[in-house]
Amino acid sequence: MGEAEGERLAALERYGAAVGQAFQIADDLLDIEGDAATVGKQTGKDAAAGKATIVGVLGIAESKKRLAALVEEACNALAPFGADADVLKAAARFVAERKA
């Protein structure tokens, strides 16, 4: 994958963009729903600071739908790599399912 060109490089770029967005939504959800002891940092900081987040705009339910769609998008982007991309697909799912 490290020497990807053309379609395969574009696939990796789509994967990276989707995972990056998914990570941010998951982080924002953890700030709202997470337990500080589990997350390992103070929660509720974004709301207290008046920080604009996707969760603040879409709400929790829609943000979770968007998160799931982004993980699916990331995994689908890796189709050109077949089973060689299984670890990256697992990483995308981990981003959405993490608790800390």
PDB file of N, CA and C in Angstrom:
ATOM      1  N   MET A   1       0.817  -1.195   0.000  1.00  0.00           N
ATOM      2  CA  MET A   1       0.000   0.000   0.000  1.00  0.00           C
ATOM      3  C   MET A   1       0.862   1.261   0.000  1.00  0.00           C
ATOM      4  N   GLY A   2       2.038   1.150   0.565  1.00  0.00           N
ATOM      5  CA  GLY A   2       2.912   2.307   0.685  1.00  0.00           C
ATOM      6  C   GLY A   2       3.385   2.858  -0.645  1.00  0.00           C
ATOM      7  N   GLU A   3       3.313   2.063  -1.687  1.00  0.00           N
ATOM      8  CA  GLU A   3       3.733   2.516  -3.008  1.00  0.00           C
ATOM      9  C   GLU A   3       2.538   2.727  -3.933  1.00  0.00           C
ATOM     10  N   ALA A   4       1.366   2.961  -3.342  1.00  0.00           N
ATOM     11  CA  ALA A   4       0.135   3.114  -4.122  1.00  0.00           C
ATOM     12  C   ALA A   4       0.222   4.312  -5.053  1.00  0.00           C
ATOM     13  N   GLU A   5      -0.380   4.125  -6.220  1.00  0.00           N
ATOM     14  CA  GLU A   5      -0.472   5.204  -7.213  1.00  0.00           C
ATOM     15  C   GLU A   5      -1.884   5.196  -7.780  1.00  0.00           C
ATOM     16  N   GLY A   6      -2.247   6.269  -8.437  1.00  0.00           N
ATOM     17  CA  GLY A   6      -3.503   6.343  -9.161  1.00  0.00           C
ATOM     18  C   GLY A   6      -4.713   6.038  -8.296  1.00  0.00           C
ATOM     19  N   GLU A   7      -5.510   5.063  -8.751  1.00  0.00           N
ATOM     20  CA  GLU A   7      -6.758   4.701  -8.081  1.00  0.00           C
ATOM     21  C   GLU A   7      -6.514   4.251  -6.639  1.00  0.00           C
ATOM     22  N   ARG A   8      -5.444   3.513  -6.439  1.00  0.00           N
ATOM     23  CA  ARG A   8      -5.152   3.019  -5.091  1.00  0.00           C
ATOM     24  C   ARG A   8      -4.744   4.152  -4.152  1.00  0.00           C
ATOM     25  N   LEU A   9      -4.004   5.110  -4.642  1.00  0.00           N
ATOM     26  CA  LEU A   9      -3.637   6.264  -3.831  1.00  0.00           C
ATOM     27  C   LEU A   9      -4.880   7.077  -3.489  1.00  0.00           C
ATOM     28  N   ALA A  10      -5.747   7.273  -4.463  1.00  0.00           N
ATOM     29  CA  ALA A  10      -7.002   7.997  -4.220  1.00  0.00           C
ATOM     30  C   ALA A  10      -7.853   7.259  -3.188  1.00  0.00           C
ATOM     31  N   ALA A  11      -7.847   5.936  -3.236  1.00  0.00           N
ATOM     32  CA  ALA A  11      -8.598   5.138  -2.266  1.00  0.00           C
ATOM     33  C   ALA A  11      -8.066   5.371  -0.856  1.00  0.00           C
ATOM     34  N   LEU A  12      -6.751   5.403  -0.716  1.00  0.00           N
ATOM     35  CA  LEU A  12      -6.153   5.655   0.598  1.00  0.00           C
ATOM     36  C   LEU A  12      -6.455   7.070   1.087  1.00  0.00           C
ATOM     37  N   GLU A  13      -6.492   8.030   0.176  1.00  0.00           N
ATOM     38  CA  GLU A  13      -6.828   9.404   0.551  1.00  0.00           C
ATOM     39  C   GLU A  13      -8.275   9.489   1.030  1.00  0.00           C
ATOM     40  N   ARG A  14      -9.200   8.792   0.353  1.00  0.00           N
ATOM     41  CA  ARG A  14     -10.603   8.761   0.779  1.00  0.00           C
ATOM     42  C   ARG A  14     -10.725   8.105   2.154  1.00  0.00           C
ATOM     43  N   TYR A  15      -9.994   7.017   2.331  1.00  0.00           N
ATOM     44  CA  TYR A  15      -9.991   6.328   3.626  1.00  0.00           C
ATOM     45  C   TYR A  15      -9.522   7.280   4.725  1.00  0.00           C
ATOM     46  N   GLY A  16      -8.404   7.934   4.507  1.00  0.00           N
ATOM     47  CA  GLY A  16      -7.845   8.831   5.510  1.00  0.00           C
ATOM     48  C   GLY A  16      -8.776   9.978   5.861  1.00  0.00           C
ATOM     49  N   ALA A  17      -9.404  10.552   4.865  1.00  0.00           N
ATOM     50  CA  ALA A  17     -10.337  11.659   5.117  1.00  0.00           C
ATOM     51  C   ALA A  17     -11.530  11.181   5.936  1.00  0.00           C
ATOM     52  N   ALA A  18     -12.071  10.024   5.583  1.00  0.00           N
ATOM     53  CA  ALA A  18     -13.222   9.494   6.312  1.00  0.00           C
ATOM     54  C   ALA A  18     -12.855   9.124   7.743  1.00  0.00           C
ATOM     55  N   VAL A  19     -11.719   8.484   7.936  1.00  0.00           N
ATOM     56  CA  VAL A  19     -11.299   8.096   9.287  1.00  0.00           C
ATOM     57  C   VAL A  19     -11.009   9.340  10.130  1.00  0.00           C
ATOM     58  N   GLY A  20     -10.409  10.346   9.534  1.00  0.00           N
ATOM     59  CA  GLY A  20     -10.140  11.576  10.273  1.00  0.00           C
ATOM     60  C   GLY A  20     -11.418  12.238  10.764  1.00  0.00           C
ATOM     61  N   GLN A  21     -12.411  12.313   9.898  1.00  0.00           N
ATOM     62  CA  GLN A  21     -13.695  12.884  10.298  1.00  0.00           C
ATOM     63  C   GLN A  21     -14.373  12.014  11.353  1.00  0.00           C
ATOM     64  N   ALA A  22     -14.304  10.704  11.156  1.00  0.00           N
ATOM     65  CA  ALA A  22     -14.902   9.770  12.121  1.00  0.00           C
ATOM     66  C   ALA A  22     -14.249   9.932  13.494  1.00  0.00           C
ATOM     67  N   PHE A  23     -12.935  10.057  13.514  1.00  0.00           N
ATOM     68  CA  PHE A  23     -12.224  10.228  14.788  1.00  0.00           C
ATOM     69  C   PHE A  23     -12.719  11.470  15.510  1.00  0.00           C
ATOM     70  N   GLN A  24     -12.886  12.568  14.788  1.00  0.00           N
ATOM     71  CA  GLN A  24     -13.308  13.814  15.433  1.00  0.00           C
ATOM     72  C   GLN A  24     -14.722  13.693  15.986  1.00  0.00           C
ATOM     73  N   ILE A  25     -15.625  13.075  15.226  1.00  0.00           N
ATOM     74  CA  ILE A  25     -16.991  12.890  15.730  1.00  0.00           C
ATOM     75  C   ILE A  25     -16.984  11.991  16.959  1.00  0.00           C
ATOM     76  N   ALA A  26     -16.224  10.899  16.904  1.00  0.00           N
ATOM     77  CA  ALA A  26     -16.140   9.998  18.053  1.00  0.00           C
ATOM     78  C   ALA A  26     -15.587  10.737  19.270  1.00  0.00           C
ATOM     79  N   ASP A  27     -14.585  11.561  19.071  1.00  0.00           N
ATOM     80  CA  ASP A  27     -14.004  12.336  20.164  1.00  0.00           C
ATOM     81  C   ASP A  27     -15.027  13.303  20.748  1.00  0.00           C
ATOM     82  N   ASP A  28     -15.778  13.956  19.880  1.00  0.00           N
ATOM     83  CA  ASP A  28     -16.809  14.889  20.339  1.00  0.00           C
ATOM     84  C   ASP A  28     -17.909  14.150  21.107  1.00  0.00           C
ATOM     85  N   LEU A  29     -18.286  12.964  20.639  1.00  0.00           N
ATOM     86  CA  LEU A  29     -19.286  12.159  21.350  1.00  0.00           C
ATOM     87  C   LEU A  29     -18.767  11.721  22.714  1.00  0.00           C
ATOM     88  N   LEU A  30     -17.497  11.325  22.774  1.00  0.00           N
ATOM     89  CA  LEU A  30     -16.913  10.938  24.058  1.00  0.00           C
ATOM     90  C   LEU A  30     -16.901  12.110  25.035  1.00  0.00           C
ATOM     91  N   ASP A  31     -16.706  13.311  24.528  1.00  0.00           N
ATOM     92  CA  ASP A  31     -16.696  14.488  25.391  1.00  0.00           C
ATOM     93  C   ASP A  31     -18.063  14.699  26.030  1.00  0.00           C
ATOM     94  N   ILE A  32     -19.109  14.286  25.329  1.00  0.00           N
ATOM     95  CA  ILE A  32     -20.475  14.447  25.839  1.00  0.00           C
ATOM     96  C   ILE A  32     -20.919  13.235  26.656  1.00  0.00           C
ATOM     97  N   GLU A  33     -20.685  12.052  26.120  1.00  0.00           N
ATOM     98  CA  GLU A  33     -21.235  10.835  26.712  1.00  0.00           C
ATOM     99  C   GLU A  33     -20.243  10.036  27.550  1.00  0.00           C
ATOM    100  N   GLY A  34     -18.973  10.312  27.379  1.00  0.00           N
ATOM    101  CA  GLY A  34     -17.954   9.509  28.039  1.00  0.00           C
ATOM    102  C   GLY A  34     -17.836   9.757  29.527  1.00  0.00           C
ATOM    103  N   ASP A  35     -17.329   8.763  30.208  1.00  0.00           N
ATOM    104  CA  ASP A  35     -17.028   8.849  31.632  1.00  0.00           C
ATOM    105  C   ASP A  35     -15.577   9.311  31.758  1.00  0.00           C
ATOM    106  N   ALA A  36     -15.359  10.352  32.537  1.00  0.00           N
ATOM    107  CA  ALA A  36     -14.012  10.932  32.646  1.00  0.00           C
ATOM    108  C   ALA A  36     -12.973   9.902  33.066  1.00  0.00           C
ATOM    109  N   ALA A  37     -13.331   8.995  33.945  1.00  0.00           N
ATOM    110  CA  ALA A  37     -12.380   7.982  34.397  1.00  0.00           C
ATOM    111  C   ALA A  37     -12.000   7.038  33.272  1.00  0.00           C
ATOM    112  N   THR A  38     -12.961   6.701  32.430  1.00  0.00           N
ATOM    113  CA  THR A  38     -12.705   5.795  31.311  1.00  0.00           C
ATOM    114  C   THR A  38     -11.993   6.518  30.176  1.00  0.00           C
ATOM    115  N   VAL A  39     -12.463   7.719  29.872  1.00  0.00           N
ATOM    116  CA  VAL A  39     -11.890   8.506  28.777  1.00  0.00           C
ATOM    117  C   VAL A  39     -10.463   8.927  29.099  1.00  0.00           C
ATOM    118  N   GLY A  40     -10.199   9.162  30.383  1.00  0.00           N
ATOM    119  CA  GLY A  40      -8.857   9.554  30.791  1.00  0.00           C
ATOM    120  C   GLY A  40      -8.619  11.048  30.750  1.00  0.00           C
ATOM    121  N   LYS A  41      -9.686  11.799  30.598  1.00  0.00           N
ATOM    122  CA  LYS A  41      -9.587  13.256  30.631  1.00  0.00           C
ATOM    123  C   LYS A  41     -10.951  13.810  31.021  1.00  0.00           C
ATOM    124  N   GLN A  42     -10.963  15.063  31.381  1.00  0.00           N
ATOM    125  CA  GLN A  42     -12.209  15.707  31.762  1.00  0.00           C
ATOM    126  C   GLN A  42     -13.163  15.707  30.566  1.00  0.00           C
ATOM    127  N   THR A  43     -14.419  15.395  30.816  1.00  0.00           N
ATOM    128  CA  THR A  43     -15.429  15.443  29.761  1.00  0.00           C
ATOM    129  C   THR A  43     -16.264  16.709  29.935  1.00  0.00           C
ATOM    130  N   GLY A  44     -17.003  17.050  28.895  1.00  0.00           N
ATOM    131  CA  GLY A  44     -17.853  18.228  28.934  1.00  0.00           C
ATOM    132  C   GLY A  44     -17.121  19.521  28.667  1.00  0.00           C
ATOM    133  N   LYS A  45     -15.844  19.429  28.307  1.00  0.00           N
ATOM    134  CA  LYS A  45     -15.037  20.636  28.085  1.00  0.00           C
ATOM    135  C   LYS A  45     -15.493  21.422  26.866  1.00  0.00           C
ATOM    136  N   ASP A  46     -15.909  20.718  25.802  1.00  0.00           N
ATOM    137  CA  ASP A  46     -16.300  21.417  24.581  1.00  0.00           C
ATOM    138  C   ASP A  46     -17.510  22.318  24.821  1.00  0.00           C
ATOM    139  N   ALA A  47     -18.533  21.774  25.480  1.00  0.00           N
ATOM    140  CA  ALA A  47     -19.740  22.556  25.756  1.00  0.00           C
ATOM    141  C   ALA A  47     -19.429  23.707  26.704  1.00  0.00           C
ATOM    142  N   ALA A  48     -18.630  23.436  27.723  1.00  0.00           N
ATOM    143  CA  ALA A  48     -18.278  24.479  28.693  1.00  0.00           C
ATOM    144  C   ALA A  48     -17.521  25.625  28.032  1.00  0.00           C
ATOM    145  N   ALA A  49     -16.736  25.298  27.016  1.00  0.00           N
ATOM    146  CA  ALA A  49     -15.955  26.321  26.315  1.00  0.00           C
ATOM    147  C   ALA A  49     -16.729  26.966  25.171  1.00  0.00           C
ATOM    148  N   GLY A  50     -17.955  26.489  24.937  1.00  0.00           N
ATOM    149  CA  GLY A  50     -18.748  27.022  23.829  1.00  0.00           C
ATOM    150  C   GLY A  50     -18.189  26.632  22.475  1.00  0.00           C
ATOM    151  N   LYS A  51     -17.460  25.534  22.449  1.00  0.00           N
ATOM    152  CA  LYS A  51     -16.810  25.065  21.228  1.00  0.00           C
ATOM    153  C   LYS A  51     -17.841  24.504  20.247  1.00  0.00           C
ATOM    154  N   ALA A  52     -17.742  24.904  19.004  1.00  0.00           N
ATOM    155  CA  ALA A  52     -18.623  24.384  17.958  1.00  0.00           C
ATOM    156  C   ALA A  52     -18.151  22.989  17.555  1.00  0.00           C
ATOM    157  N   THR A  53     -19.052  22.027  17.619  1.00  0.00           N
ATOM    158  CA  THR A  53     -18.733  20.664  17.225  1.00  0.00           C
ATOM    159  C   THR A  53     -19.822  20.147  16.305  1.00  0.00           C
ATOM    160  N   ILE A  54     -19.521  19.085  15.588  1.00  0.00           N
ATOM    161  CA  ILE A  54     -20.528  18.486  14.714  1.00  0.00           C
ATOM    162  C   ILE A  54     -21.684  17.941  15.546  1.00  0.00           C
ATOM    163  N   VAL A  55     -21.381  17.450  16.745  1.00  0.00           N
ATOM    164  CA  VAL A  55     -22.436  16.941  17.624  1.00  0.00           C
ATOM    165  C   VAL A  55     -23.353  18.084  18.053  1.00  0.00           C
ATOM    166  N   GLY A  56     -22.781  19.235  18.293  1.00  0.00           N
ATOM    167  CA  GLY A  56     -23.577  20.402  18.645  1.00  0.00           C
ATOM    168  C   GLY A  56     -24.497  20.829  17.515  1.00  0.00           C
ATOM    169  N   VAL A  57     -24.062  20.626  16.300  1.00  0.00           N
ATOM    170  CA  VAL A  57     -24.863  21.004  15.128  1.00  0.00           C
ATOM    171  C   VAL A  57     -25.898  19.933  14.789  1.00  0.00           C
ATOM    172  N   LEU A  58     -25.463  18.673  14.734  1.00  0.00           N
ATOM    173  CA  LEU A  58     -26.342  17.589  14.292  1.00  0.00           C
ATOM    174  C   LEU A  58     -27.124  16.924  15.418  1.00  0.00           C
ATOM    175  N   GLY A  59     -26.618  17.016  16.631  1.00  0.00           N
ATOM    176  CA  GLY A  59     -27.207  16.276  17.729  1.00  0.00           C
ATOM    177  C   GLY A  59     -26.548  14.911  17.841  1.00  0.00           C
ATOM    178  N   ILE A  60     -26.785  14.243  18.956  1.00  0.00           N
ATOM    179  CA  ILE A  60     -26.118  12.973  19.227  1.00  0.00           C
ATOM    180  C   ILE A  60     -26.537  11.888  18.250  1.00  0.00           C
ATOM    181  N   ALA A  61     -27.824  11.704  18.040  1.00  0.00           N
ATOM    182  CA  ALA A  61     -28.309  10.612  17.179  1.00  0.00           C
ATOM    183  C   ALA A  61     -27.800  10.757  15.749  1.00  0.00           C
ATOM    184  N   GLU A  62     -27.899  11.946  15.197  1.00  0.00           N
ATOM    185  CA  GLU A  62     -27.441  12.155  13.817  1.00  0.00           C
ATOM    186  C   GLU A  62     -25.927  12.057  13.710  1.00  0.00           C
ATOM    187  N   SER A  63     -25.226  12.476  14.743  1.00  0.00           N
ATOM    188  CA  SER A  63     -23.770  12.352  14.744  1.00  0.00           C
ATOM    189  C   SER A  63     -23.357  10.892  14.738  1.00  0.00           C
ATOM    190  N   LYS A  64     -24.071  10.063  15.481  1.00  0.00           N
ATOM    191  CA  LYS A  64     -23.770   8.631  15.493  1.00  0.00           C
ATOM    192  C   LYS A  64     -24.050   8.007  14.128  1.00  0.00           C
ATOM    193  N   LYS A  65     -25.097   8.452  13.459  1.00  0.00           N
ATOM    194  CA  LYS A  65     -25.374   7.968  12.097  1.00  0.00           C
ATOM    195  C   LYS A  65     -24.254   8.389  11.154  1.00  0.00           C
ATOM    196  N   ARG A  66     -23.814   9.627  11.271  1.00  0.00           N
ATOM    197  CA  ARG A  66     -22.732  10.133  10.417  1.00  0.00           C
ATOM    198  C   ARG A  66     -21.445   9.368  10.697  1.00  0.00           C
ATOM    199  N   LEU A  67     -21.174   9.082  11.961  1.00  0.00           N
ATOM    200  CA  LEU A  67     -19.996   8.317  12.338  1.00  0.00           C
ATOM    201  C   LEU A  67     -20.026   6.936  11.682  1.00  0.00           C
ATOM    202  N   ALA A  68     -21.147   6.258  11.762  1.00  0.00           N
ATOM    203  CA  ALA A  68     -21.280   4.934  11.150  1.00  0.00           C
ATOM    204  C   ALA A  68     -21.102   5.011   9.637  1.00  0.00           C
ATOM    205  N   ALA A  69     -21.669   6.045   9.022  1.00  0.00           N
ATOM    206  CA  ALA A  69     -21.538   6.212   7.571  1.00  0.00           C
ATOM    207  C   ALA A  69     -20.081   6.461   7.178  1.00  0.00           C
ATOM    208  N   LEU A  70     -19.362   7.221   7.973  1.00  0.00           N
ATOM    209  CA  LEU A  70     -17.952   7.497   7.683  1.00  0.00           C
ATOM    210  C   LEU A  70     -17.100   6.239   7.805  1.00  0.00           C
ATOM    211  N   VAL A  71     -17.379   5.404   8.795  1.00  0.00           N
ATOM    212  CA  VAL A  71     -16.641   4.150   8.937  1.00  0.00           C
ATOM    213  C   VAL A  71     -16.920   3.255   7.738  1.00  0.00           C
ATOM    214  N   GLU A  72     -18.167   3.187   7.317  1.00  0.00           N
ATOM    215  CA  GLU A  72     -18.504   2.389   6.138  1.00  0.00           C
ATOM    216  C   GLU A  72     -17.811   2.945   4.892  1.00  0.00           C
ATOM    217  N   GLU A  73     -17.815   4.261   4.763  1.00  0.00           N
ATOM    218  CA  GLU A  73     -17.140   4.913   3.635  1.00  0.00           C
ATOM    219  C   GLU A  73     -15.650   4.596   3.633  1.00  0.00           C
ATOM    220  N   ALA A  74     -15.030   4.658   4.797  1.00  0.00           N
ATOM    221  CA  ALA A  74     -13.601   4.361   4.917  1.00  0.00           C
ATOM    222  C   ALA A  74     -13.315   2.922   4.499  1.00  0.00           C
ATOM    223  N   CYS A  75     -14.110   1.999   4.996  1.00  0.00           N
ATOM    224  CA  CYS A  75     -13.900   0.583   4.671  1.00  0.00           C
ATOM    225  C   CYS A  75     -14.142   0.313   3.187  1.00  0.00           C
ATOM    226  N   ASN A  76     -15.180   0.906   2.642  1.00  0.00           N
ATOM    227  CA  ASN A  76     -15.486   0.718   1.221  1.00  0.00           C
ATOM    228  C   ASN A  76     -14.395   1.301   0.323  1.00  0.00           C
ATOM    229  N   ALA A  77     -13.777   2.384   0.776  1.00  0.00           N
ATOM    230  CA  ALA A  77     -12.717   3.014  -0.016  1.00  0.00           C
ATOM    231  C   ALA A  77     -11.544   2.062  -0.237  1.00  0.00           C
ATOM    232  N   LEU A  78     -11.381   1.108   0.670  1.00  0.00           N
ATOM    233  CA  LEU A  78     -10.240   0.197   0.596  1.00  0.00           C
ATOM    234  C   LEU A  78     -10.476  -1.016  -0.284  1.00  0.00           C
ATOM    235  N   ALA A  79     -11.580  -1.065  -0.976  1.00  0.00           N
ATOM    236  CA  ALA A  79     -11.913  -2.215  -1.831  1.00  0.00           C
ATOM    237  C   ALA A  79     -10.792  -2.602  -2.796  1.00  0.00           C
ATOM    238  N   PRO A  80     -10.074  -1.651  -3.392  1.00  0.00           N
ATOM    239  CA  PRO A  80      -9.011  -2.039  -4.326  1.00  0.00           C
ATOM    240  C   PRO A  80      -7.897  -2.885  -3.697  1.00  0.00           C
ATOM    241  N   PHE A  81      -7.820  -2.908  -2.375  1.00  0.00           N
ATOM    242  CA  PHE A  81      -6.753  -3.634  -1.697  1.00  0.00           C
ATOM    243  C   PHE A  81      -7.167  -5.013  -1.200  1.00  0.00           C
ATOM    244  N   GLY A  82      -8.453  -5.315  -1.266  1.00  0.00           N
ATOM    245  CA  GLY A  82      -8.928  -6.615  -0.803  1.00  0.00           C
ATOM    246  C   GLY A  82      -8.575  -6.860   0.654  1.00  0.00           C
ATOM    247  N   ALA A  83      -8.231  -8.112   0.955  1.00  0.00           N
ATOM    248  CA  ALA A  83      -7.930  -8.515   2.330  1.00  0.00           C
ATOM    249  C   ALA A  83      -6.666  -7.852   2.879  1.00  0.00           C
ATOM    250  N   ASP A  84      -5.826  -7.327   2.009  1.00  0.00           N
ATOM    251  CA  ASP A  84      -4.613  -6.651   2.479  1.00  0.00           C
ATOM    252  C   ASP A  84      -4.936  -5.431   3.349  1.00  0.00           C
ATOM    253  N   ALA A  85      -6.160  -4.934   3.235  1.00  0.00           N
ATOM    254  CA  ALA A  85      -6.536  -3.733   3.981  1.00  0.00           C
ATOM    255  C   ALA A  85      -7.347  -4.047   5.243  1.00  0.00           C
ATOM    256  N   ASP A  86      -7.431  -5.306   5.616  1.00  0.00           N
ATOM    257  CA  ASP A  86      -8.251  -5.676   6.774  1.00  0.00           C
ATOM    258  C   ASP A  86      -7.842  -4.948   8.049  1.00  0.00           C
ATOM    259  N   VAL A  87      -6.553  -4.762   8.253  1.00  0.00           N
ATOM    260  CA  VAL A  87      -6.111  -4.079   9.469  1.00  0.00           C
ATOM    261  C   VAL A  87      -6.546  -2.609   9.466  1.00  0.00           C
ATOM    262  N   LEU A  88      -6.560  -1.981   8.301  1.00  0.00           N
ATOM    263  CA  LEU A  88      -7.024  -0.595   8.218  1.00  0.00           C
ATOM    264  C   LEU A  88      -8.529  -0.511   8.448  1.00  0.00           C
ATOM    265  N   LYS A  89      -9.257  -1.499   7.970  1.00  0.00           N
ATOM    266  CA  LYS A  89     -10.711  -1.541   8.223  1.00  0.00           C
ATOM    267  C   LYS A  89     -10.971  -1.695   9.714  1.00  0.00           C
ATOM    268  N   ALA A  90     -10.212  -2.548  10.361  1.00  0.00           N
ATOM    269  CA  ALA A  90     -10.352  -2.729  11.811  1.00  0.00           C
ATOM    270  C   ALA A  90     -10.030  -1.436  12.548  1.00  0.00           C
ATOM    271  N   ALA A  91      -9.046  -0.711  12.074  1.00  0.00           N
ATOM    272  CA  ALA A  91      -8.682   0.566  12.695  1.00  0.00           C
ATOM    273  C   ALA A  91      -9.831   1.564  12.579  1.00  0.00           C
ATOM    274  N   ALA A  92     -10.491   1.593  11.427  1.00  0.00           N
ATOM    275  CA  ALA A  92     -11.626   2.497  11.239  1.00  0.00           C
ATOM    276  C   ALA A  92     -12.758   2.150  12.203  1.00  0.00           C
ATOM    277  N   ARG A  93     -13.028   0.865  12.364  1.00  0.00           N
ATOM    278  CA  ARG A  93     -14.069   0.446  13.302  1.00  0.00           C
ATOM    279  C   ARG A  93     -13.684   0.777  14.737  1.00  0.00           C
ATOM    280  N   PHE A  94     -12.411   0.620  15.076  1.00  0.00           N
ATOM    281  CA  PHE A  94     -11.935   0.949  16.418  1.00  0.00           C
ATOM    282  C   PHE A  94     -12.156   2.419  16.725  1.00  0.00           C
ATOM    283  N   VAL A  95     -11.900   3.289  15.773  1.00  0.00           N
ATOM    284  CA  VAL A  95     -12.087   4.721  15.961  1.00  0.00           C
ATOM    285  C   VAL A  95     -13.515   5.007  16.419  1.00  0.00           C
ATOM    286  N   ALA A  96     -14.475   4.350  15.819  1.00  0.00           N
ATOM    287  CA  ALA A  96     -15.880   4.596  16.141  1.00  0.00           C
ATOM    288  C   ALA A  96     -16.319   3.939  17.442  1.00  0.00           C
ATOM    289  N   GLU A  97     -15.674   2.843  17.812  1.00  0.00           N
ATOM    290  CA  GLU A  97     -16.123   2.072  18.966  1.00  0.00           C
ATOM    291  C   GLU A  97     -15.346   2.346  20.239  1.00  0.00           C
ATOM    292  N   ARG A  98     -14.282   3.127  20.137  1.00  0.00           N
ATOM    293  CA  ARG A  98     -13.420   3.343  21.294  1.00  0.00           C
ATOM    294  C   ARG A  98     -14.173   4.023  22.431  1.00  0.00           C
ATOM    295  N   LYS A  99     -13.738   3.744  23.625  1.00  0.00           N
ATOM    296  CA  LYS A  99     -14.356   4.325  24.830  1.00  0.00           C
ATOM    297  C   LYS A  99     -13.406   5.264  25.551  1.00  0.00           C
ATOM    298  N   ALA A 100     -12.179   5.349  25.065  1.00  0.00           N
ATOM    299  CA  ALA A 100     -11.195   6.225  25.702  1.00  0.00           C
ATOM    300  C   ALA A 100     -10.368   6.919  24.649  1.00  0.00           C
TER     301      ALA A 100
END
